[in-house]
């Protein structure tokens, strides 16, 4: 009985720490630029269709946000190597030419929406084709094109919402016990991105790690 109580307390502490870290991100930017040796950078591109579009954001803001994310997730190994394209005055596309784990991809979309060190959020939407066995992926959404987003009425700051191309909806929570919640109807209906990755081939880009 005592061990059970201790286990419950430890789980509660872990949940609190995760929640606190996520909610406090906006005021606690990570400036740690530590990285593994450059020899561990992925150099051979891996075909995938992960695409993120960000609107109403400046060059300086998007650069700072992507660098901040890499500072968090690339300290021990290179989990994210984003590639940034400028589409217009305040609109950008981000791809992952060396691919990225679906879980980290979801964290990236959440981070762009709620970046550390900013007192505002940003309009971000992502698309990808899911694979069986990936984090949070159920039989209902496996091997489908999905749209990932955070709605304007979100107040939790520690999730992303998912809608499949056939309009099956999930809420993907980062806190323990809230990992995936099936929705009776999707929070937003699926729409295809206005551009495709192949449309970016001839555009200039900036790589981050």
N, C-alpha and C. Protein backbone atom coordinates (compact mmCIF):
# COMPACT_ATOMS: atom_id res chain seq x y z
N UNK A 1 0.83 -1.20 0.00
CA UNK A 1 0.00 0.00 0.00
C UNK A 1 0.87 1.26 0.00
N UNK A 2 1.92 1.22 0.82
CA UNK A 2 2.81 2.37 0.92
C UNK A 2 3.50 2.64 -0.41
N UNK A 3 3.95 1.56 -1.08
CA UNK A 3 4.63 1.72 -2.37
C UNK A 3 3.68 2.29 -3.41
N UNK A 4 2.41 1.91 -3.33
CA UNK A 4 1.42 2.44 -4.28
C UNK A 4 1.25 3.94 -4.08
N UNK A 5 1.18 4.37 -2.82
CA UNK A 5 1.03 5.79 -2.52
C UNK A 5 2.24 6.57 -3.03
N UNK A 6 3.44 6.01 -2.79
CA UNK A 6 4.67 6.67 -3.26
C UNK A 6 4.66 6.78 -4.78
N UNK A 7 4.19 5.72 -5.45
CA UNK A 7 4.13 5.72 -6.91
C UNK A 7 3.19 6.80 -7.42
N UNK A 8 2.03 6.95 -6.77
CA UNK A 8 1.06 7.98 -7.16
C UNK A 8 1.65 9.37 -6.97
N UNK A 9 2.37 9.57 -5.85
CA UNK A 9 2.99 10.87 -5.59
C UNK A 9 4.03 11.19 -6.65
N UNK A 10 4.85 10.21 -7.04
CA UNK A 10 5.89 10.43 -8.05
C UNK A 10 5.28 10.78 -9.40
N UNK A 11 4.19 10.08 -9.75
CA UNK A 11 3.50 10.39 -11.01
C UNK A 11 2.95 11.81 -10.99
N UNK A 12 2.37 12.21 -9.85
CA UNK A 12 1.81 13.55 -9.73
C UNK A 12 2.89 14.61 -9.85
N UNK A 13 4.06 14.35 -9.25
CA UNK A 13 5.18 15.30 -9.34
C UNK A 13 5.65 15.42 -10.79
N UNK A 14 5.77 14.27 -11.47
CA UNK A 14 6.20 14.28 -12.87
C UNK A 14 5.23 15.07 -13.73
N UNK A 15 3.93 14.84 -13.50
CA UNK A 15 2.90 15.56 -14.26
C UNK A 15 3.02 17.06 -14.01
N UNK A 16 3.23 17.44 -12.77
CA UNK A 16 3.34 18.87 -12.42
C UNK A 16 4.54 19.50 -13.10
N UNK A 17 5.67 18.81 -13.10
CA UNK A 17 6.88 19.36 -13.69
C UNK A 17 6.73 19.55 -15.19
N UNK A 18 6.13 18.56 -15.86
CA UNK A 18 5.91 18.67 -17.30
C UNK A 18 4.98 19.83 -17.60
N UNK A 19 3.89 19.91 -16.87
CA UNK A 19 2.91 20.98 -17.08
C UNK A 19 3.53 22.35 -16.84
N UNK A 20 4.30 22.46 -15.75
CA UNK A 20 4.91 23.74 -15.41
C UNK A 20 5.90 24.17 -16.47
N UNK A 21 6.71 23.22 -16.95
CA UNK A 21 7.70 23.54 -17.98
C UNK A 21 7.01 24.04 -19.24
N UNK A 22 5.93 23.40 -19.64
CA UNK A 22 5.23 23.79 -20.86
C UNK A 22 4.58 25.16 -20.71
N UNK A 23 3.96 25.41 -19.58
CA UNK A 23 3.25 26.67 -19.39
C UNK A 23 4.20 27.85 -19.19
N UNK A 24 5.40 27.59 -18.71
CA UNK A 24 6.34 28.67 -18.44
C UNK A 24 7.27 28.96 -19.61
N UNK A 25 7.10 28.25 -20.71
CA UNK A 25 8.04 28.39 -21.81
C UNK A 25 8.11 29.81 -22.35
N UNK A 26 7.00 30.55 -22.34
CA UNK A 26 6.99 31.86 -22.95
C UNK A 26 7.91 32.86 -22.23
N UNK A 27 8.22 32.62 -20.97
CA UNK A 27 9.04 33.57 -20.23
C UNK A 27 10.42 33.00 -19.91
N UNK A 28 10.74 31.79 -20.36
CA UNK A 28 12.01 31.18 -20.04
C UNK A 28 12.68 30.64 -21.30
N UNK A 29 13.21 31.53 -22.16
CA UNK A 29 13.86 31.06 -23.38
C UNK A 29 15.11 30.24 -23.06
N UNK A 30 15.37 29.23 -23.89
CA UNK A 30 16.54 28.39 -23.72
C UNK A 30 17.64 28.92 -24.63
N UNK A 31 18.70 29.46 -24.05
CA UNK A 31 19.80 30.03 -24.83
C UNK A 31 21.01 29.12 -24.89
N UNK A 32 20.82 27.86 -24.51
CA UNK A 32 21.92 26.90 -24.53
C UNK A 32 22.17 26.46 -25.97
N UNK A 33 23.29 26.86 -26.53
CA UNK A 33 23.59 26.53 -27.92
C UNK A 33 24.49 25.30 -28.04
N UNK A 34 24.61 24.51 -26.97
CA UNK A 34 25.43 23.30 -27.02
C UNK A 34 24.90 22.35 -28.09
N UNK A 35 25.80 21.75 -28.86
CA UNK A 35 25.43 20.81 -29.91
C UNK A 35 26.46 19.67 -29.94
N UNK A 36 26.03 18.51 -30.45
CA UNK A 36 27.02 17.45 -30.70
C UNK A 36 27.96 17.91 -31.82
N UNK A 37 28.97 17.13 -32.06
CA UNK A 37 29.89 17.43 -33.16
C UNK A 37 29.14 17.48 -34.48
N UNK A 38 29.55 18.39 -35.37
CA UNK A 38 28.90 18.54 -36.66
C UNK A 38 28.95 17.25 -37.49
N UNK A 39 29.86 16.36 -37.15
CA UNK A 39 29.96 15.11 -37.91
C UNK A 39 28.70 14.25 -37.72
N UNK A 40 27.90 14.55 -36.68
CA UNK A 40 26.68 13.79 -36.44
C UNK A 40 25.46 14.39 -37.12
N UNK A 41 25.64 15.51 -37.80
CA UNK A 41 24.54 16.07 -38.58
C UNK A 41 24.15 15.09 -39.69
N UNK A 42 22.84 14.95 -39.91
CA UNK A 42 22.39 14.14 -41.03
C UNK A 42 22.71 14.86 -42.33
N UNK A 43 23.27 14.14 -43.26
CA UNK A 43 23.72 14.76 -44.52
C UNK A 43 22.98 14.22 -45.73
N UNK A 44 22.34 13.07 -45.58
CA UNK A 44 21.59 12.49 -46.69
C UNK A 44 20.10 12.75 -46.46
N UNK A 45 19.48 13.47 -47.39
CA UNK A 45 18.08 13.84 -47.23
C UNK A 45 17.18 12.60 -47.26
N UNK A 46 16.11 12.67 -46.47
CA UNK A 46 15.15 11.57 -46.36
C UNK A 46 13.78 12.07 -46.82
N UNK A 47 13.27 11.50 -47.87
CA UNK A 47 12.03 11.99 -48.47
C UNK A 47 10.87 11.91 -47.48
N UNK A 48 10.16 13.01 -47.32
CA UNK A 48 8.97 13.05 -46.47
C UNK A 48 8.15 14.26 -46.88
N UNK A 49 6.92 14.34 -46.39
CA UNK A 49 6.04 15.45 -46.79
C UNK A 49 5.68 16.37 -45.64
N UNK A 50 6.50 16.41 -44.61
CA UNK A 50 6.23 17.30 -43.48
C UNK A 50 6.44 18.75 -43.90
N UNK A 51 5.40 19.53 -43.73
CA UNK A 51 5.40 20.93 -44.16
C UNK A 51 4.69 21.78 -43.12
N UNK A 52 5.31 22.89 -42.75
CA UNK A 52 4.72 23.82 -41.78
C UNK A 52 4.60 25.18 -42.45
N UNK A 53 3.45 25.83 -42.30
CA UNK A 53 3.25 27.18 -42.78
C UNK A 53 2.99 28.10 -41.58
N UNK A 54 3.69 29.23 -41.56
CA UNK A 54 3.55 30.19 -40.46
C UNK A 54 3.23 31.55 -41.05
N UNK A 55 2.19 32.21 -40.51
CA UNK A 55 1.76 33.50 -41.03
C UNK A 55 1.90 34.59 -39.98
N UNK A 56 1.92 35.83 -40.45
CA UNK A 56 1.96 37.01 -39.57
C UNK A 56 3.13 36.97 -38.60
N UNK A 57 4.31 36.79 -39.17
CA UNK A 57 5.52 36.68 -38.37
C UNK A 57 6.67 37.30 -39.16
N UNK A 58 7.62 37.90 -38.47
CA UNK A 58 8.74 38.56 -39.15
C UNK A 58 9.92 37.61 -39.30
N UNK A 59 10.89 38.03 -40.13
CA UNK A 59 12.12 37.24 -40.29
C UNK A 59 12.82 37.02 -38.96
N UNK A 60 12.96 38.09 -38.19
CA UNK A 60 13.66 37.98 -36.91
C UNK A 60 12.93 37.05 -35.96
N UNK A 61 11.61 37.12 -35.94
CA UNK A 61 10.84 36.28 -35.04
C UNK A 61 10.96 34.81 -35.40
N UNK A 62 10.79 34.48 -36.67
CA UNK A 62 10.84 33.06 -37.04
C UNK A 62 12.24 32.49 -36.86
N UNK A 63 13.28 33.29 -37.16
CA UNK A 63 14.65 32.83 -36.92
C UNK A 63 14.87 32.55 -35.44
N UNK A 64 14.42 33.46 -34.60
CA UNK A 64 14.60 33.29 -33.16
C UNK A 64 13.86 32.06 -32.65
N UNK A 65 12.66 31.83 -33.15
CA UNK A 65 11.85 30.69 -32.70
C UNK A 65 12.50 29.37 -33.10
N UNK A 66 12.93 29.28 -34.35
CA UNK A 66 13.54 28.02 -34.80
C UNK A 66 14.85 27.76 -34.05
N UNK A 67 15.64 28.80 -33.86
CA UNK A 67 16.88 28.63 -33.09
C UNK A 67 16.58 28.19 -31.66
N UNK A 68 15.53 28.78 -31.06
CA UNK A 68 15.16 28.40 -29.70
C UNK A 68 14.76 26.94 -29.60
N UNK A 69 14.00 26.46 -30.60
CA UNK A 69 13.60 25.06 -30.61
C UNK A 69 14.83 24.15 -30.73
N UNK A 70 15.72 24.50 -31.65
CA UNK A 70 16.93 23.68 -31.82
C UNK A 70 17.79 23.69 -30.55
N UNK A 71 17.81 24.83 -29.86
CA UNK A 71 18.55 24.89 -28.60
C UNK A 71 18.00 23.89 -27.58
N UNK A 72 16.69 23.68 -27.60
CA UNK A 72 16.06 22.75 -26.66
C UNK A 72 16.28 21.30 -27.04
N UNK A 73 16.16 20.99 -28.33
CA UNK A 73 16.07 19.59 -28.74
C UNK A 73 17.32 19.03 -29.41
N UNK A 74 18.32 19.86 -29.65
CA UNK A 74 19.52 19.37 -30.34
C UNK A 74 20.77 19.38 -29.48
N UNK A 75 20.61 19.45 -28.19
CA UNK A 75 21.79 19.53 -27.32
C UNK A 75 22.55 18.21 -27.27
N UNK A 76 21.85 17.09 -27.28
CA UNK A 76 22.50 15.78 -27.17
C UNK A 76 22.60 15.07 -28.51
N UNK A 77 21.60 15.25 -29.36
CA UNK A 77 21.65 14.74 -30.73
C UNK A 77 20.75 15.62 -31.59
N UNK A 78 20.96 15.54 -32.89
CA UNK A 78 20.23 16.42 -33.81
C UNK A 78 18.86 15.83 -34.12
N UNK A 79 17.87 16.22 -33.30
CA UNK A 79 16.52 15.70 -33.49
C UNK A 79 15.74 16.50 -34.53
N UNK A 80 16.19 17.71 -34.82
CA UNK A 80 15.47 18.56 -35.77
C UNK A 80 16.47 19.36 -36.60
N UNK A 81 16.32 19.29 -37.92
CA UNK A 81 17.12 20.10 -38.83
C UNK A 81 16.17 20.82 -39.79
N UNK A 82 15.47 21.85 -39.30
CA UNK A 82 14.46 22.53 -40.12
C UNK A 82 15.09 23.32 -41.27
N UNK A 83 14.32 23.48 -42.32
CA UNK A 83 14.72 24.30 -43.47
C UNK A 83 13.63 25.35 -43.68
N UNK A 84 14.03 26.62 -43.71
CA UNK A 84 13.10 27.74 -43.74
C UNK A 84 13.09 28.40 -45.12
N UNK A 85 11.88 28.63 -45.62
CA UNK A 85 11.68 29.34 -46.88
C UNK A 85 10.79 30.55 -46.62
N UNK A 86 11.12 31.67 -47.25
CA UNK A 86 10.27 32.86 -47.15
C UNK A 86 9.31 32.86 -48.32
N UNK A 87 8.00 32.92 -48.00
CA UNK A 87 6.97 32.91 -49.05
C UNK A 87 6.48 34.31 -49.39
N UNK A 88 6.49 35.19 -48.40
CA UNK A 88 5.99 36.55 -48.57
C UNK A 88 6.53 37.42 -47.47
N UNK A 89 6.00 38.62 -47.35
CA UNK A 89 6.50 39.58 -46.38
C UNK A 89 6.46 39.04 -44.95
N UNK A 90 5.37 38.36 -44.59
CA UNK A 90 5.23 37.85 -43.23
C UNK A 90 4.75 36.39 -43.21
N UNK A 91 5.17 35.63 -44.20
CA UNK A 91 4.73 34.23 -44.30
C UNK A 91 5.92 33.34 -44.68
N UNK A 92 6.01 32.19 -44.00
CA UNK A 92 7.15 31.30 -44.20
C UNK A 92 6.69 29.84 -44.29
N UNK A 93 7.49 29.05 -44.96
CA UNK A 93 7.30 27.60 -45.00
C UNK A 93 8.51 26.95 -44.37
N UNK A 94 8.27 25.85 -43.66
CA UNK A 94 9.36 25.10 -43.02
C UNK A 94 9.21 23.64 -43.41
N UNK A 95 10.31 23.04 -43.85
CA UNK A 95 10.32 21.62 -44.17
C UNK A 95 11.40 20.93 -43.34
N UNK A 96 11.44 19.62 -43.44
CA UNK A 96 12.42 18.83 -42.70
C UNK A 96 13.06 17.83 -43.67
N UNK A 97 14.04 18.31 -44.45
CA UNK A 97 14.60 17.46 -45.51
C UNK A 97 15.29 16.20 -45.01
N UNK A 98 15.65 16.16 -43.74
CA UNK A 98 16.27 14.98 -43.17
C UNK A 98 15.28 14.21 -42.29
N UNK A 99 14.01 14.59 -42.41
CA UNK A 99 12.89 14.03 -41.65
C UNK A 99 13.03 14.36 -40.16
N UNK A 100 12.00 14.05 -39.42
CA UNK A 100 11.93 14.33 -37.99
C UNK A 100 10.89 13.39 -37.40
N UNK A 101 11.11 12.89 -36.21
CA UNK A 101 10.13 12.01 -35.57
C UNK A 101 8.81 12.75 -35.40
N UNK A 102 7.72 12.03 -35.55
CA UNK A 102 6.40 12.66 -35.48
C UNK A 102 6.19 13.36 -34.14
N UNK A 103 6.64 12.76 -33.07
CA UNK A 103 6.48 13.37 -31.74
C UNK A 103 7.20 14.72 -31.68
N UNK A 104 8.44 14.77 -32.15
CA UNK A 104 9.21 16.01 -32.13
C UNK A 104 8.57 17.03 -33.07
N UNK A 105 8.02 16.54 -34.17
CA UNK A 105 7.33 17.42 -35.12
C UNK A 105 6.14 18.11 -34.45
N UNK A 106 5.38 17.36 -33.66
CA UNK A 106 4.26 17.94 -32.92
C UNK A 106 4.75 18.98 -31.91
N UNK A 107 5.85 18.67 -31.22
CA UNK A 107 6.41 19.64 -30.29
C UNK A 107 6.83 20.91 -31.03
N UNK A 108 7.37 20.75 -32.24
CA UNK A 108 7.80 21.90 -33.02
C UNK A 108 6.63 22.82 -33.34
N UNK A 109 5.53 22.23 -33.78
CA UNK A 109 4.34 23.03 -34.12
C UNK A 109 3.83 23.76 -32.89
N UNK A 110 3.80 23.07 -31.76
CA UNK A 110 3.38 23.72 -30.52
C UNK A 110 4.33 24.85 -30.13
N UNK A 111 5.63 24.62 -30.33
CA UNK A 111 6.62 25.62 -29.94
C UNK A 111 6.50 26.87 -30.81
N UNK A 112 6.26 26.68 -32.11
CA UNK A 112 6.09 27.85 -32.99
C UNK A 112 4.85 28.63 -32.59
N UNK A 113 3.81 27.92 -32.17
CA UNK A 113 2.59 28.60 -31.72
C UNK A 113 2.83 29.37 -30.42
N UNK A 114 3.53 28.73 -29.48
CA UNK A 114 3.78 29.33 -28.17
C UNK A 114 5.28 29.37 -27.90
N UNK A 115 6.03 30.21 -28.59
CA UNK A 115 7.49 30.20 -28.42
C UNK A 115 7.96 30.82 -27.12
N UNK A 116 9.06 30.31 -26.62
CA UNK A 116 9.65 30.87 -25.41
C UNK A 116 10.17 32.27 -25.69
N UNK A 117 9.99 33.16 -24.72
CA UNK A 117 10.51 34.50 -24.84
C UNK A 117 9.61 35.47 -25.58
N UNK A 118 8.43 35.03 -25.97
CA UNK A 118 7.48 35.90 -26.68
C UNK A 118 6.20 36.04 -25.87
N UNK A 119 5.62 37.21 -25.94
CA UNK A 119 4.36 37.45 -25.23
C UNK A 119 3.16 37.32 -26.16
N UNK A 120 3.36 36.73 -27.31
CA UNK A 120 2.27 36.51 -28.26
C UNK A 120 2.43 35.14 -28.90
N UNK A 121 1.35 34.69 -29.52
CA UNK A 121 1.39 33.40 -30.22
C UNK A 121 1.34 33.66 -31.72
N UNK A 122 1.59 32.59 -32.50
CA UNK A 122 1.69 32.75 -33.94
C UNK A 122 0.80 31.74 -34.66
N UNK A 123 0.39 32.11 -35.86
CA UNK A 123 -0.49 31.28 -36.67
C UNK A 123 0.33 30.22 -37.38
N UNK A 124 0.18 28.96 -36.99
CA UNK A 124 0.99 27.88 -37.55
C UNK A 124 0.11 26.66 -37.84
N UNK A 125 0.36 26.03 -38.98
CA UNK A 125 -0.32 24.80 -39.36
C UNK A 125 0.70 23.87 -39.99
N UNK A 126 0.60 22.59 -39.68
CA UNK A 126 1.51 21.61 -40.25
C UNK A 126 0.76 20.48 -40.93
N UNK A 127 1.44 19.82 -41.87
CA UNK A 127 0.88 18.66 -42.56
C UNK A 127 1.92 17.56 -42.60
N UNK A 128 1.45 16.33 -42.60
CA UNK A 128 2.36 15.19 -42.67
C UNK A 128 1.55 13.94 -43.02
N UNK A 129 2.24 12.92 -43.47
CA UNK A 129 1.62 11.61 -43.61
C UNK A 129 2.11 10.74 -42.46
N UNK A 130 1.18 10.20 -41.70
CA UNK A 130 1.54 9.43 -40.51
C UNK A 130 2.00 8.02 -40.88
N UNK A 131 2.66 7.38 -39.92
CA UNK A 131 3.11 6.00 -40.11
C UNK A 131 2.70 5.17 -38.90
N UNK A 132 2.38 3.93 -39.13
CA UNK A 132 2.06 3.01 -38.04
C UNK A 132 3.23 2.91 -37.08
N UNK A 133 2.93 2.95 -35.79
CA UNK A 133 3.96 2.80 -34.77
C UNK A 133 4.52 4.11 -34.26
N UNK A 134 4.16 5.24 -34.88
CA UNK A 134 4.64 6.53 -34.40
C UNK A 134 3.88 6.93 -33.14
N UNK A 135 4.50 7.81 -32.36
CA UNK A 135 3.89 8.29 -31.12
C UNK A 135 2.51 8.88 -31.40
N UNK A 136 1.51 8.47 -30.62
CA UNK A 136 0.14 8.99 -30.65
C UNK A 136 -0.68 8.50 -31.86
N UNK A 137 -0.10 7.73 -32.75
CA UNK A 137 -0.81 7.35 -33.97
C UNK A 137 -1.60 6.05 -33.74
N UNK A 138 -2.92 6.15 -33.91
CA UNK A 138 -3.80 5.01 -33.76
C UNK A 138 -4.15 4.44 -35.14
N UNK A 139 -4.86 3.31 -35.13
CA UNK A 139 -5.27 2.70 -36.40
C UNK A 139 -6.16 3.64 -37.21
N UNK A 140 -6.88 4.52 -36.52
CA UNK A 140 -7.80 5.43 -37.22
C UNK A 140 -7.07 6.48 -38.05
N UNK A 141 -5.82 6.78 -37.69
CA UNK A 141 -5.11 7.85 -38.38
C UNK A 141 -3.81 7.40 -39.05
N UNK A 142 -3.45 6.13 -38.89
CA UNK A 142 -2.19 5.64 -39.44
C UNK A 142 -2.19 5.68 -40.96
N UNK A 143 -1.05 6.08 -41.52
CA UNK A 143 -0.83 6.09 -42.97
C UNK A 143 -1.82 7.01 -43.71
N UNK A 144 -2.16 8.12 -43.05
CA UNK A 144 -3.04 9.11 -43.66
C UNK A 144 -2.38 10.47 -43.65
N UNK A 145 -2.79 11.30 -44.58
CA UNK A 145 -2.37 12.70 -44.58
C UNK A 145 -3.13 13.40 -43.45
N UNK A 146 -2.41 14.13 -42.61
CA UNK A 146 -3.04 14.81 -41.49
C UNK A 146 -2.64 16.28 -41.46
N UNK A 147 -3.51 17.06 -40.86
CA UNK A 147 -3.25 18.47 -40.60
C UNK A 147 -3.08 18.65 -39.10
N UNK A 148 -2.07 19.38 -38.68
CA UNK A 148 -1.78 19.61 -37.27
C UNK A 148 -1.86 21.10 -36.98
N UNK A 149 -2.53 21.45 -35.89
CA UNK A 149 -2.78 22.86 -35.61
C UNK A 149 -3.13 23.03 -34.14
N UNK A 150 -3.18 24.29 -33.72
CA UNK A 150 -3.65 24.63 -32.37
C UNK A 150 -4.71 25.71 -32.55
N UNK A 151 -5.95 25.46 -32.16
CA UNK A 151 -7.04 26.41 -32.42
C UNK A 151 -6.89 27.69 -31.62
N UNK A 152 -7.57 28.72 -32.08
CA UNK A 152 -7.46 30.03 -31.44
C UNK A 152 -8.02 30.05 -30.02
N UNK A 153 -8.92 29.11 -29.70
CA UNK A 153 -9.51 29.11 -28.36
C UNK A 153 -8.78 28.20 -27.38
N UNK A 154 -7.61 27.71 -27.77
CA UNK A 154 -6.83 26.85 -26.88
C UNK A 154 -6.34 27.64 -25.66
N UNK A 155 -6.46 27.03 -24.48
CA UNK A 155 -5.99 27.67 -23.25
C UNK A 155 -4.98 26.81 -22.50
N UNK A 156 -4.71 25.60 -23.00
CA UNK A 156 -3.86 24.66 -22.26
C UNK A 156 -2.39 24.77 -22.62
N UNK A 157 -2.09 25.11 -23.87
CA UNK A 157 -0.72 25.35 -24.33
C UNK A 157 0.16 24.11 -24.36
N UNK A 158 -0.37 22.92 -24.14
CA UNK A 158 0.49 21.73 -24.12
C UNK A 158 -0.10 20.62 -24.99
N UNK A 159 -0.55 20.99 -26.18
CA UNK A 159 -1.14 20.00 -27.06
C UNK A 159 -1.08 20.48 -28.51
N UNK A 160 -1.42 19.58 -29.41
CA UNK A 160 -1.74 19.95 -30.79
C UNK A 160 -3.00 19.17 -31.16
N UNK A 161 -3.73 19.69 -32.12
CA UNK A 161 -4.91 19.00 -32.63
C UNK A 161 -4.58 18.41 -34.00
N UNK A 162 -5.20 17.29 -34.29
CA UNK A 162 -4.94 16.58 -35.54
C UNK A 162 -6.26 16.30 -36.25
N UNK A 163 -6.28 16.53 -37.54
CA UNK A 163 -7.42 16.15 -38.38
C UNK A 163 -6.89 15.40 -39.59
N UNK A 164 -7.45 14.23 -39.86
CA UNK A 164 -7.01 13.45 -41.02
C UNK A 164 -7.69 13.98 -42.29
N UNK A 165 -7.21 13.53 -43.43
CA UNK A 165 -7.77 13.97 -44.71
C UNK A 165 -9.22 13.54 -44.87
N UNK A 166 -9.66 12.51 -44.11
CA UNK A 166 -11.07 12.12 -44.12
C UNK A 166 -11.79 12.61 -42.87
N UNK A 167 -11.22 13.64 -42.23
CA UNK A 167 -11.85 14.39 -41.14
C UNK A 167 -12.15 13.57 -39.88
N UNK A 168 -11.16 12.79 -39.48
CA UNK A 168 -11.15 12.18 -38.15
C UNK A 168 -10.29 13.06 -37.27
N UNK A 169 -10.79 13.41 -36.09
CA UNK A 169 -10.09 14.37 -35.25
C UNK A 169 -9.57 13.79 -33.95
N UNK A 170 -8.40 14.26 -33.54
CA UNK A 170 -7.82 13.90 -32.25
C UNK A 170 -7.22 15.15 -31.60
N UNK A 171 -7.18 15.13 -30.29
CA UNK A 171 -6.39 16.08 -29.52
C UNK A 171 -5.20 15.31 -28.96
N UNK A 172 -4.00 15.75 -29.29
CA UNK A 172 -2.78 15.09 -28.83
C UNK A 172 -2.20 15.90 -27.69
N UNK A 173 -2.32 15.39 -26.48
CA UNK A 173 -1.84 16.11 -25.30
C UNK A 173 -0.45 15.65 -24.90
N UNK A 174 0.36 16.58 -24.40
CA UNK A 174 1.72 16.24 -24.00
C UNK A 174 1.81 15.81 -22.54
N UNK A 175 0.79 16.08 -21.76
CA UNK A 175 0.80 15.71 -20.35
C UNK A 175 0.44 14.24 -20.18
N UNK A 176 0.98 13.62 -19.15
CA UNK A 176 0.72 12.21 -18.88
C UNK A 176 -0.78 11.96 -18.69
N UNK A 177 -1.31 10.96 -19.39
CA UNK A 177 -2.72 10.62 -19.29
C UNK A 177 -3.60 11.35 -20.28
N UNK A 178 -3.02 12.29 -21.03
CA UNK A 178 -3.80 13.06 -22.00
C UNK A 178 -3.23 12.94 -23.40
N UNK A 179 -2.50 11.82 -23.64
CA UNK A 179 -1.71 11.70 -24.86
C UNK A 179 -2.53 11.76 -26.14
N UNK A 180 -3.65 11.05 -26.20
CA UNK A 180 -4.47 11.11 -27.41
C UNK A 180 -5.94 10.98 -27.04
N UNK A 181 -6.73 11.94 -27.49
CA UNK A 181 -8.15 11.97 -27.19
C UNK A 181 -8.92 12.04 -28.50
N UNK A 182 -9.71 11.00 -28.75
CA UNK A 182 -10.53 10.98 -29.96
C UNK A 182 -11.65 12.01 -29.82
N UNK A 183 -11.91 12.75 -30.89
CA UNK A 183 -12.95 13.77 -30.88
C UNK A 183 -14.15 13.30 -31.71
N UNK A 184 -15.34 13.53 -31.21
CA UNK A 184 -16.54 13.14 -31.95
C UNK A 184 -16.59 13.82 -33.32
N UNK A 185 -16.10 15.04 -33.36
CA UNK A 185 -15.94 15.74 -34.63
C UNK A 185 -14.65 16.54 -34.56
N UNK A 186 -13.94 16.69 -35.67
CA UNK A 186 -12.64 17.38 -35.61
C UNK A 186 -12.79 18.84 -35.20
N UNK A 187 -11.78 19.35 -34.53
CA UNK A 187 -11.80 20.75 -34.11
C UNK A 187 -11.84 21.68 -35.32
N UNK A 188 -11.14 21.28 -36.37
CA UNK A 188 -11.20 21.99 -37.65
C UNK A 188 -11.23 20.95 -38.77
N UNK A 189 -11.92 21.23 -39.85
CA UNK A 189 -11.93 20.33 -40.98
C UNK A 189 -10.60 20.40 -41.72
N UNK A 190 -10.23 19.30 -42.31
CA UNK A 190 -8.97 19.20 -43.03
C UNK A 190 -8.97 20.10 -44.26
N UNK A 191 -7.88 20.81 -44.47
CA UNK A 191 -7.66 21.54 -45.71
C UNK A 191 -6.23 21.23 -46.17
N UNK A 192 -6.02 21.18 -47.45
CA UNK A 192 -4.67 20.95 -47.98
C UNK A 192 -3.88 22.26 -47.95
N UNK A 193 -2.57 22.19 -47.81
CA UNK A 193 -1.77 23.42 -47.82
C UNK A 193 -1.84 24.10 -49.18
N UNK A 194 -1.67 25.39 -49.19
CA UNK A 194 -1.79 26.14 -50.44
C UNK A 194 -0.58 25.93 -51.35
N UNK A 195 0.49 25.38 -50.79
CA UNK A 195 1.65 25.03 -51.61
C UNK A 195 2.08 23.61 -51.27
N UNK A 196 2.89 23.02 -52.11
CA UNK A 196 3.48 21.71 -51.85
C UNK A 196 4.99 21.86 -51.76
N UNK A 197 5.63 20.87 -51.18
CA UNK A 197 7.08 20.95 -51.01
C UNK A 197 7.77 21.09 -52.37
N UNK A 198 7.25 20.43 -53.38
CA UNK A 198 7.87 20.52 -54.71
C UNK A 198 7.83 21.95 -55.25
N UNK A 199 6.91 22.77 -54.77
CA UNK A 199 6.84 24.16 -55.22
C UNK A 199 7.98 25.01 -54.66
N UNK A 200 8.70 24.46 -53.66
CA UNK A 200 9.76 25.21 -53.00
C UNK A 200 11.14 24.94 -53.60
N UNK A 201 11.19 24.04 -54.56
CA UNK A 201 12.48 23.55 -55.08
C UNK A 201 13.43 24.67 -55.49
N UNK A 202 12.93 25.67 -56.17
CA UNK A 202 13.79 26.74 -56.70
C UNK A 202 13.90 27.95 -55.79
N UNK A 203 13.31 27.86 -54.60
CA UNK A 203 13.36 29.01 -53.69
C UNK A 203 14.61 28.94 -52.80
N UNK A 204 15.10 30.10 -52.41
CA UNK A 204 16.22 30.15 -51.46
C UNK A 204 15.75 29.69 -50.08
N UNK A 205 16.65 29.14 -49.32
CA UNK A 205 16.28 28.63 -48.00
C UNK A 205 17.41 28.85 -47.00
N UNK A 206 17.07 28.64 -45.74
CA UNK A 206 18.04 28.73 -44.66
C UNK A 206 17.89 27.50 -43.79
N UNK A 207 18.99 26.79 -43.55
CA UNK A 207 18.96 25.59 -42.73
C UNK A 207 19.32 25.91 -41.28
N UNK A 208 18.68 25.18 -40.37
CA UNK A 208 18.91 25.34 -38.95
C UNK A 208 19.28 23.99 -38.33
N UNK A 209 20.09 24.03 -37.32
CA UNK A 209 20.34 22.83 -36.52
C UNK A 209 20.74 23.25 -35.10
